[in-house]
Amino acid sequence: MSTNHRLRTRKSALALAATALLAGAASPASAATCTWNTGAGNWNALANWLSCVAGNGNPTGTPGGADTAVIGATGSVTVSNAQAINTLNNAGVVTVNNNTSLSLDAKNTGASFFGGGQIVLGGSGSRLFVEGANGVSVAAGSTIRGAGQIGQAVSLSGASLFSNAGTISADANGLSLILVDPGNTGSYANSGLIEARNGGTLDLRSTFAQSATGRIRAETGSFVELNGTVISGGTVGSTGTGRIRTNGNIANALSGVTLAGVVDMASSPSSLRITNGLTFSNGAIDVGGSSVLYLDNRSTATQAISGTGSINLTGGALRMEGTGQTTTGANVTIRGHGTVGQATQLSGQYTWINNGLVSADVNGQTLNLVRPGNGSVPIQNNGILEAINGGRLLLSADVDAATGSQMRAGTGSVIEMNGVRVTGTVNTTGTGSFRANGSINNVLSGVTLNGNLDMAS
């Protein structure tokens, strides 16, 4: 039997067990409140629960999908076969073994986990299912951690909202914790912490709306991966060698997020859209040669890339989509080599206002500024456009410059006009040069030139 077949069989068996358990869940009217009355033990042992005669679990007499389970701080509960619960008041530890499931049953009423304890998912085959459409809440101080999957429904799908005020942690070294749409069609609201640490990987496959206190973070040596994910609000960050990574799915988006760390789009082909603005908090986005970062204004009229941070192109593309306006702030740097401005999803009269620094700073490489959104609106430069360190800045879009802005070519570096009109101040130093190619469309309009215009090379 092949490995893939064994995995499919194991997953099917797990889902069937959970479905059978949930199908027998009692109505809320017969719900029991079951209290754990030992230290370490198995959820499925009747003797380990008090006041649970009416419990509809697996077996009957243990807590189930309509019930409340109360576990004290010394409780250590093992889930070794499919179980379900509606209300988990847990100050201890509930461990869901590998290839086993615990269902948060929100079919009749919202499910909740509180009490300051932990749910530990014990391996890649562990599942924390979310059933129904009535939502799940995780209270502040409570933790879901380990490896496996959170969110899938196997008995009753629904657009459940998974509200996290606690901690969800992918903390199993070398393993992944996958968050999918709760109830198969729902989403997450995060006011707490969702993280990867200890060498774990957090694989996000849903939509996450964060409050001002919401954080998604990759600790050193760990990864948060966006896999068709939209994150809005709150903070996305990393520490040390931790990284935020994205796959090639164009659905990946950060919307109105504060970025306090590094987004790695250079290690593999990646796509990421910025909508409704982004605030850098000493953050960076690294864009490799097969990757695309979109300033996506298709549904956003105006956005700002603000704060202090950088977009680092290593052959990648910074694309501008739609007909809106994006302003890059005074402490935002776009640097490296690649292409800036092209639209591939929706062309339009796109306005890019640069108040920061655009720097072609890689020796022997070109940073090409093309018409934003493929339209005819000139780049509005209120900051600095430069070539340094032997780099080449190719102007393939008109540039309208404000008072106080400048274009500058450092020694050994080149700014080249490519059939464009340029206004403002141009400075060259040392062997740096400002050039025009052979296009008759090259125009200097009201330019102050401090240095050399090279038309001999």
Protein backbone atom coordinates (compact mmCIF):
# COMPACT_ATOMS: atom_id res chain seq x y z
CA MET A 1 0.00 0.00 0.00
CA SER A 2 1.38 3.43 -0.97
CA THR A 3 2.13 6.13 1.60
CA ASN A 4 -0.45 8.47 0.02
CA HIS A 5 -3.10 5.75 0.18
CA ARG A 6 -2.34 5.10 3.86
CA LEU A 7 -2.62 8.83 4.60
CA ARG A 8 -5.92 9.12 2.75
CA THR A 9 -7.27 6.06 4.58
CA ARG A 10 -6.13 7.44 7.96
CA LYS A 11 -7.77 10.84 7.29
CA SER A 12 -10.99 9.20 6.11
CA ALA A 13 -11.13 7.01 9.21
CA LEU A 14 -10.58 10.03 11.45
CA ALA A 15 -13.35 12.01 9.73
CA LEU A 16 -15.75 9.06 9.87
CA ALA A 17 -15.12 8.57 13.58
CA ALA A 18 -15.74 12.26 14.29
CA THR A 19 -18.88 12.29 12.13
CA ALA A 20 -20.31 9.26 13.88
CA LEU A 21 -19.65 10.82 17.27
CA LEU A 22 -21.21 14.16 16.36
CA ALA A 23 -24.23 12.55 14.73
CA GLY A 24 -25.18 11.18 18.14
CA ALA A 25 -24.78 14.46 20.01
CA ALA A 26 -27.61 15.32 22.37
CA SER A 27 -29.67 18.48 22.15
CA PRO A 28 -28.71 21.48 24.35
CA ALA A 29 -31.63 20.69 26.66
CA SER A 30 -29.90 17.48 27.84
CA ALA A 31 -26.44 19.01 28.15
CA ALA A 32 -24.31 17.83 31.07
CA THR A 33 -21.61 19.63 33.04
CA CYS A 34 -18.86 17.07 33.58
CA THR A 35 -15.99 17.63 36.04
CA TRP A 36 -12.60 15.93 35.73
CA ASN A 37 -11.86 14.17 39.02
CA THR A 38 -8.35 12.78 38.64
CA GLY A 39 -4.83 13.89 37.67
CA ALA A 40 -3.75 12.17 34.46
CA GLY A 41 -6.15 10.00 32.52
CA ASN A 42 -8.09 9.35 29.35
CA TRP A 43 -11.12 11.37 28.25
CA ASN A 44 -12.96 8.15 27.36
CA ALA A 45 -12.85 6.65 30.90
CA LEU A 46 -16.18 7.12 32.68
CA ALA A 47 -14.56 6.94 36.12
CA ASN A 48 -12.52 10.06 35.37
CA TRP A 49 -15.62 12.32 35.24
CA LEU A 50 -18.08 13.45 37.90
CA SER A 51 -21.72 14.41 37.28
CA CYS A 52 -21.53 13.11 33.71
CA VAL A 53 -24.24 10.45 33.61
CA ALA A 54 -26.06 12.50 30.96
CA GLY A 55 -22.86 13.15 29.00
CA ASN A 56 -23.19 12.32 25.31
CA GLY A 57 -19.53 11.64 24.60
CA ASN A 58 -17.67 8.61 23.35
CA PRO A 59 -18.68 6.49 25.29
CA THR A 60 -21.91 7.77 26.82
CA GLY A 61 -21.23 9.09 30.29
CA THR A 62 -18.27 11.16 29.15
CA PRO A 63 -18.63 14.77 27.92
CA GLY A 64 -19.71 15.25 24.30
CA GLY A 65 -20.74 17.83 21.75
CA ALA A 66 -23.61 19.38 23.75
CA ASP A 67 -21.77 19.34 27.08
CA THR A 68 -19.45 21.34 29.30
CA ALA A 69 -16.17 19.85 30.53
CA VAL A 70 -14.51 21.36 33.63
CA ILE A 71 -10.83 20.48 34.10
CA GLY A 72 -8.76 21.86 36.96
CA ALA A 73 -5.17 23.02 36.90
CA THR A 74 -3.81 19.57 37.83
CA GLY A 75 -5.81 17.81 35.13
CA SER A 76 -3.96 16.10 32.29
CA VAL A 77 -6.45 14.64 29.84
CA THR A 78 -5.57 12.45 26.88
CA VAL A 79 -7.87 12.26 23.86
CA SER A 80 -7.13 8.96 22.12
CA ASN A 81 -10.36 8.51 20.17
CA ALA A 82 -12.71 10.99 18.50
CA GLN A 83 -14.35 13.32 21.03
CA ALA A 84 -16.44 16.50 20.92
CA ILE A 85 -17.24 19.32 23.32
CA ASN A 86 -19.28 22.51 23.32
CA THR A 87 -17.80 24.31 26.35
CA LEU A 88 -14.29 23.53 27.59
CA ASN A 89 -13.49 25.18 30.94
CA ASN A 90 -9.92 23.95 31.12
CA ALA A 91 -7.16 25.09 33.47
CA GLY A 92 -5.10 21.98 32.79
CA VAL A 93 -3.86 20.24 29.65
CA VAL A 94 -5.92 18.36 27.05
CA THR A 95 -3.70 16.45 24.63
CA VAL A 96 -5.19 15.29 21.34
CA ASN A 97 -3.10 12.35 20.19
CA ASN A 98 -1.77 12.07 16.66
CA ASN A 99 -4.39 10.78 14.20
CA THR A 100 -7.15 11.67 16.67
CA SER A 101 -9.70 14.49 16.79
CA LEU A 102 -11.42 16.79 19.24
CA SER A 103 -14.40 18.68 17.81
CA LEU A 104 -15.50 22.10 19.03
CA ASP A 105 -19.21 21.62 18.44
CA ALA A 106 -20.96 24.87 17.43
CA LYS A 107 -23.90 23.26 15.65
CA ASN A 108 -26.54 24.38 18.16
CA THR A 109 -24.76 27.13 20.08
CA GLY A 110 -21.36 28.80 20.06
CA ALA A 111 -18.46 26.71 21.35
CA SER A 112 -15.89 28.08 23.77
CA PHE A 113 -12.53 27.31 25.36
CA PHE A 114 -11.50 29.22 28.47
CA GLY A 115 -9.88 28.70 31.87
CA GLY A 116 -6.24 29.43 31.08
CA GLY A 117 -5.24 25.89 30.14
CA GLN A 118 -3.96 24.24 26.98
CA ILE A 119 -5.17 22.11 24.11
CA VAL A 120 -2.12 20.32 22.71
CA LEU A 121 -2.32 18.83 19.21
CA GLY A 122 0.06 15.91 19.29
CA GLY A 123 1.12 15.42 15.67
CA SER A 124 0.54 16.11 12.00
CA GLY A 125 -2.58 13.91 12.08
CA SER A 126 -4.19 15.65 15.06
CA ARG A 127 -7.37 17.59 14.33
CA LEU A 128 -9.31 20.29 16.17
CA PHE A 129 -12.52 20.26 14.16
CA VAL A 130 -15.03 23.14 14.15
CA GLU A 131 -18.59 22.00 13.51
CA GLY A 132 -21.54 24.24 12.58
CA ALA A 133 -21.99 27.97 12.06
CA ASN A 134 -22.37 29.37 15.59
CA GLY A 135 -18.75 30.31 16.16
CA VAL A 136 -15.89 29.43 18.50
CA SER A 137 -14.21 31.61 21.12
CA VAL A 138 -10.82 31.11 22.75
CA ALA A 139 -10.40 33.28 25.83
CA ALA A 140 -7.37 35.30 26.86
CA GLY A 141 -4.88 33.15 28.76
CA SER A 142 -5.89 29.93 26.99
CA THR A 143 -3.60 28.22 24.48
CA ILE A 144 -3.93 25.89 21.52
CA ARG A 145 -0.52 24.57 20.50
CA GLY A 146 1.37 21.81 18.70
CA ALA A 147 1.03 20.39 15.19
CA GLY A 148 -1.92 19.28 13.11
CA GLN A 149 -4.94 21.12 11.75
CA ILE A 150 -7.54 23.52 13.13
CA GLY A 151 -10.89 24.47 11.63
CA GLN A 152 -12.24 21.74 9.35
CA ALA A 153 -15.84 20.55 9.68
CA VAL A 154 -16.67 16.90 8.98
CA SER A 155 -20.25 16.71 10.26
CA LEU A 156 -21.89 20.08 9.59
CA SER A 157 -20.31 22.88 7.60
CA GLY A 158 -21.01 26.51 8.40
CA ALA A 159 -19.48 29.98 8.25
CA SER A 160 -18.18 29.90 11.82
CA LEU A 161 -16.21 32.83 13.20
CA PHE A 162 -13.24 31.59 15.23
CA SER A 163 -12.52 34.38 17.73
CA ASN A 164 -9.09 34.08 19.35
CA ALA A 165 -8.16 36.23 22.33
CA GLY A 166 -5.63 33.69 23.56
CA THR A 167 -2.63 32.02 21.93
CA ILE A 168 -2.45 29.67 18.96
CA SER A 169 1.12 28.38 18.64
CA ALA A 170 2.80 26.19 16.03
CA ASP A 171 5.56 25.10 18.38
CA ALA A 172 6.46 21.56 17.25
CA ASN A 173 9.93 21.59 15.69
CA GLY A 174 9.87 20.57 12.03
CA LEU A 175 6.08 20.20 11.93
CA SER A 176 3.20 22.40 10.78
CA LEU A 177 0.06 23.70 12.40
CA ILE A 178 -2.48 24.39 9.63
CA LEU A 179 -5.38 26.82 10.10
CA VAL A 180 -8.17 26.33 7.55
CA ASP A 181 -11.57 28.01 7.20
CA PRO A 182 -13.53 27.31 10.43
CA GLY A 183 -16.53 25.16 9.65
CA ASN A 184 -15.14 24.97 6.08
CA THR A 185 -16.45 28.43 5.09
CA GLY A 186 -15.72 30.67 8.10
CA SER A 187 -12.89 32.97 9.13
CA TYR A 188 -10.80 34.07 12.11
CA ALA A 189 -10.99 37.16 14.32
CA ASN A 190 -7.74 37.60 16.24
CA SER A 191 -7.21 39.89 19.20
CA GLY A 192 -4.55 37.66 20.71
CA LEU A 193 -1.41 35.93 19.42
CA ILE A 194 -1.08 33.47 16.55
CA GLU A 195 2.54 32.38 16.22
CA ALA A 196 5.21 29.95 15.07
CA ARG A 197 8.07 29.16 17.44
CA ASN A 198 10.60 26.45 18.36
CA GLY A 199 11.19 25.60 14.70
CA GLY A 200 7.51 25.08 13.90
CA THR A 201 5.62 26.29 10.84
CA LEU A 202 2.25 28.06 11.00
CA ASP A 203 0.39 27.44 7.72
CA LEU A 204 -2.45 29.95 7.26
CA ARG A 205 -5.18 29.01 4.76
CA SER A 206 -8.04 31.32 5.71
CA THR A 207 -8.99 34.96 6.30
CA PHE A 208 -7.81 36.73 9.46
CA ALA A 209 -9.27 40.00 10.74
CA GLN A 210 -7.17 41.41 13.55
CA SER A 211 -7.94 44.04 16.17
CA ALA A 212 -5.28 46.55 17.24
CA THR A 213 -3.98 43.99 19.74
CA GLY A 214 -3.94 41.10 17.27
CA ARG A 215 -0.53 39.68 16.37
CA ILE A 216 0.69 37.07 13.91
CA ARG A 217 4.37 36.37 14.47
CA ALA A 218 7.25 34.09 13.45
CA GLU A 219 9.82 33.62 16.20
CA THR A 220 13.46 32.87 15.43
CA GLY A 221 13.99 29.72 13.37
CA SER A 222 10.26 29.43 12.64
CA PHE A 223 7.92 30.34 9.78
CA VAL A 224 4.46 31.76 9.18
CA GLU A 225 3.29 30.82 5.69
CA LEU A 226 0.50 32.58 3.80
CA ASN A 227 -1.24 30.05 1.61
CA GLY A 228 -4.09 31.93 -0.10
CA THR A 229 -4.48 34.09 3.02
CA VAL A 230 -5.82 37.60 3.67
CA ILE A 231 -4.72 39.32 6.89
CA SER A 232 -6.30 42.64 7.77
CA GLY A 233 -5.37 44.92 10.65
CA GLY A 234 -3.16 44.27 13.64
CA THR A 235 0.53 43.41 13.47
CA VAL A 236 2.39 40.83 11.41
CA GLY A 237 5.98 40.35 12.49
CA SER A 238 9.04 38.22 13.02
CA THR A 239 12.00 38.05 15.39
CA GLY A 240 15.57 36.92 14.73
CA THR A 241 15.69 34.42 11.86
CA GLY A 242 11.92 33.94 11.88
CA ARG A 243 10.22 34.79 8.60
CA ILE A 244 6.82 35.43 7.10
CA ARG A 245 6.60 33.56 3.79
CA THR A 246 4.04 33.52 0.99
CA ASN A 247 3.38 30.99 -1.73
CA GLY A 248 2.51 31.88 -5.32
CA ASN A 249 -1.22 32.36 -4.71
CA ILE A 250 -2.27 35.87 -5.80
CA ALA A 251 -5.01 35.77 -3.14
CA ASN A 252 -2.34 36.38 -0.48
CA ALA A 253 -2.86 39.88 0.91
CA LEU A 254 -1.93 42.20 3.76
CA SER A 255 -4.59 44.87 4.29
CA GLY A 256 -4.03 47.74 6.68
CA VAL A 257 -1.38 45.76 8.54
CA THR A 258 1.61 46.92 10.58
CA LEU A 259 4.67 44.96 9.45
CA ALA A 260 7.22 44.49 12.23
CA GLY A 261 9.56 41.94 10.70
CA VAL A 262 10.63 40.34 7.44
CA VAL A 263 8.42 38.97 4.68
CA ASP A 264 10.55 36.52 2.67
CA MET A 265 9.46 36.46 -0.97
CA ALA A 266 12.99 35.69 -2.17
CA SER A 267 13.44 32.05 -1.12
CA SER A 268 10.76 30.73 -3.51
CA PRO A 269 8.31 32.09 -6.12
CA SER A 270 5.79 34.16 -4.18
CA SER A 271 2.87 36.56 -4.60
CA LEU A 272 1.56 39.12 -2.14
CA ARG A 273 -0.90 42.01 -2.50
CA ILE A 274 -0.90 45.16 -0.36
CA THR A 275 -4.37 46.70 -0.04
CA ASN A 276 -5.67 49.47 2.22
CA GLY A 277 -2.13 50.48 3.08
CA LEU A 278 0.76 49.09 5.10
CA THR A 279 2.73 50.57 7.98
CA PHE A 280 6.32 49.46 8.36
CA SER A 281 7.62 49.17 11.90
CA ASN A 282 11.28 48.61 10.95
CA GLY A 283 10.04 45.90 8.64
CA ALA A 284 11.13 44.65 5.23
CA ILE A 285 9.73 42.78 2.24
CA ASP A 286 12.31 40.85 0.20
CA VAL A 287 11.14 40.15 -3.37
CA GLY A 288 13.08 37.58 -5.39
CA GLY A 289 13.43 37.19 -9.14
CA SER A 290 10.39 34.91 -9.55
CA SER A 291 8.18 36.81 -7.11
CA VAL A 292 5.68 39.66 -7.39
CA LEU A 293 4.61 42.22 -4.80
CA TYR A 294 1.44 44.10 -5.79
CA LEU A 295 0.42 47.56 -4.66
CA ASP A 296 -3.18 46.64 -5.44
CA ASN A 297 -5.58 49.53 -5.91
CA ARG A 298 -8.20 47.66 -7.88
CA SER A 299 -10.66 48.03 -5.00
CA THR A 300 -8.78 50.63 -2.94
CA ALA A 301 -8.98 54.25 -4.10
CA THR A 302 -6.11 55.53 -1.98
CA GLN A 303 -3.49 53.82 0.15
CA ALA A 304 -0.23 54.71 1.86
CA ILE A 305 2.91 52.69 2.50
CA SER A 306 4.19 54.42 5.61
CA GLY A 307 6.41 54.02 8.66
CA THR A 308 10.06 52.97 8.46
CA GLY A 309 11.03 50.02 6.30
CA SER A 310 12.09 48.77 2.90
CA ILE A 311 11.02 46.82 -0.16
CA ASN A 312 14.10 44.98 -1.37
CA LEU A 313 14.00 43.79 -4.98
CA THR A 314 16.46 41.09 -5.99
CA GLY A 315 15.25 40.80 -9.56
CA GLY A 316 11.58 40.76 -8.58
CA ALA A 317 8.65 42.96 -9.53
CA LEU A 318 6.75 45.65 -7.64
CA ARG A 319 3.51 45.98 -9.60
CA MET A 320 0.87 48.68 -9.41
CA GLU A 321 -2.68 47.64 -10.23
CA GLY A 322 -5.87 49.59 -10.94
CA THR A 323 -6.68 53.29 -11.05
CA GLY A 324 -6.05 54.47 -7.49
CA GLN A 325 -3.28 56.32 -5.74
CA THR A 326 -0.45 54.99 -3.60
CA THR A 327 1.91 57.15 -1.57
CA THR A 328 5.22 55.75 -0.33
CA GLY A 329 6.30 57.56 2.82
CA ALA A 330 9.37 59.61 3.66
CA ASN A 331 11.04 56.72 5.53
CA VAL A 332 10.15 54.01 3.03
CA THR A 333 12.89 52.71 0.72
CA ILE A 334 12.38 50.80 -2.52
CA ARG A 335 15.75 49.43 -3.55
CA GLY A 336 17.68 46.79 -5.48
CA HIS A 337 17.11 45.64 -9.04
CA GLY A 338 13.99 44.61 -10.90
CA THR A 339 10.89 46.37 -12.24
CA VAL A 340 8.61 48.89 -10.54
CA GLY A 341 5.21 50.06 -11.80
CA GLN A 342 3.87 47.56 -14.34
CA ALA A 343 0.28 46.30 -14.12
CA THR A 344 -0.58 42.73 -15.09
CA GLN A 345 -4.03 42.35 -13.48
CA LEU A 346 -5.76 45.66 -14.26
CA SER A 347 -4.24 48.60 -16.12
CA GLY A 348 -5.34 52.12 -15.29
CA GLN A 349 -4.41 55.73 -14.66
CA TYR A 350 -2.50 54.90 -11.51
CA THR A 351 -0.88 57.62 -9.41
CA TRP A 352 2.31 56.86 -7.50
CA ILE A 353 3.54 59.57 -5.15
CA ASN A 354 7.06 58.90 -3.86
CA ASN A 355 8.01 60.77 -0.70
CA GLY A 356 10.79 58.36 0.15
CA LEU A 357 13.87 56.82 -1.47
CA VAL A 358 14.05 54.75 -4.65
CA SER A 359 17.55 53.37 -5.05
CA ALA A 360 19.21 51.35 -7.82
CA ASP A 361 22.04 50.24 -5.56
CA VAL A 362 23.20 46.88 -6.89
CA ASN A 363 26.42 46.93 -8.91
CA GLY A 364 25.90 46.06 -12.58
CA GLN A 365 22.12 45.69 -12.20
CA THR A 366 19.14 47.80 -13.33
CA LEU A 367 16.12 49.08 -11.47
CA ASN A 368 13.53 49.94 -14.12
CA LEU A 369 10.75 52.41 -13.28
CA VAL A 370 7.93 51.92 -15.79
CA ARG A 371 4.60 53.72 -16.18
CA PRO A 372 2.54 53.10 -13.00
CA GLY A 373 -0.39 50.85 -13.80
CA ASN A 374 0.63 51.04 -17.49
CA GLY A 375 -1.10 54.43 -17.56
CA SER A 376 0.10 57.89 -18.52
CA VAL A 377 0.27 59.59 -15.10
CA PRO A 378 3.87 60.59 -14.35
CA ILE A 379 5.62 59.39 -11.22
CA GLN A 380 5.14 62.16 -8.65
CA ASN A 381 8.55 62.42 -7.00
CA ASN A 382 8.75 64.37 -3.76
CA GLY A 383 11.71 62.36 -2.49
CA ILE A 384 14.86 60.88 -4.01
CA LEU A 385 15.43 58.73 -7.08
CA GLU A 386 19.01 57.54 -7.20
CA ALA A 387 21.61 55.21 -8.67
CA ILE A 388 24.56 54.31 -6.43
CA ASN A 389 27.13 51.53 -5.92
CA GLY A 390 27.45 50.93 -9.67
CA GLY A 391 23.71 50.47 -10.19
CA ARG A 392 21.59 51.74 -13.08
CA LEU A 393 18.25 53.52 -12.67
CA LEU A 394 16.29 53.28 -15.91
CA LEU A 395 13.49 55.83 -16.22
CA SER A 396 10.81 54.30 -18.45
CA ALA A 397 8.09 56.56 -17.04
CA ASP A 398 7.73 60.34 -16.95
CA VAL A 399 8.81 61.96 -13.69
CA ASP A 400 7.27 65.13 -12.26
CA ALA A 401 9.42 66.41 -9.43
CA ALA A 402 8.39 68.66 -6.54
CA THR A 403 10.55 71.37 -5.02
CA GLY A 404 13.13 69.79 -2.73
CA SER A 405 13.16 66.45 -4.51
CA GLN A 406 16.08 65.19 -6.53
CA MET A 407 17.51 62.55 -8.81
CA ARG A 408 21.12 61.68 -8.15
CA ALA A 409 23.72 59.45 -9.76
CA GLY A 410 26.58 58.46 -7.47
CA THR A 411 30.07 57.69 -8.68
CA GLY A 412 30.20 54.78 -11.10
CA SER A 413 26.39 54.72 -11.40
CA VAL A 414 23.91 55.75 -14.11
CA ILE A 415 20.45 57.31 -14.38
CA GLU A 416 19.14 56.78 -17.91
CA MET A 417 16.12 58.33 -19.65
CA ASN A 418 14.21 55.86 -21.79
CA GLY A 419 11.83 57.94 -23.93
CA VAL A 420 10.49 60.03 -21.04
CA ARG A 421 9.96 63.58 -19.81
CA VAL A 422 11.76 64.60 -16.61
CA THR A 423 11.41 67.68 -14.41
CA GLY A 424 13.17 68.74 -11.21
CA THR A 425 16.77 68.59 -10.00
CA VAL A 426 19.38 66.14 -11.27
CA ASN A 427 22.70 65.73 -9.46
CA THR A 428 25.71 63.67 -10.45
CA THR A 429 28.86 63.06 -8.42
CA GLY A 430 32.27 61.71 -9.41
CA THR A 431 31.98 59.38 -12.37
CA GLY A 432 28.21 59.13 -11.99
CA SER A 433 26.25 60.06 -15.10
CA PHE A 434 22.83 61.14 -16.25
CA ARG A 435 22.11 59.79 -19.73
CA ALA A 436 19.47 59.73 -22.44
CA ASN A 437 19.02 56.89 -24.90
CA GLY A 438 18.23 57.46 -28.59
CA SER A 439 14.49 58.10 -28.19
CA ILE A 440 13.27 61.43 -29.57
CA ASN A 441 10.72 61.40 -26.75
CA ASN A 442 13.36 62.17 -24.12
CA VAL A 443 12.62 65.65 -22.73
CA LEU A 444 14.14 67.74 -19.94
CA SER A 445 11.55 70.25 -18.76
CA GLY A 446 12.61 72.94 -16.31
CA VAL A 447 15.43 70.76 -14.99
CA THR A 448 18.22 71.99 -12.75
CA LEU A 449 21.30 69.99 -13.72
CA ASN A 450 24.15 69.80 -11.23
CA GLY A 451 26.70 67.65 -13.02
CA ASN A 452 27.08 66.03 -16.40
CA LEU A 453 24.53 65.04 -19.03
CA ASP A 454 26.27 62.21 -20.87
CA MET A 455 25.18 61.95 -24.50
CA ALA A 456 28.52 60.57 -25.68
CA SER A 457 28.49 57.10 -24.18
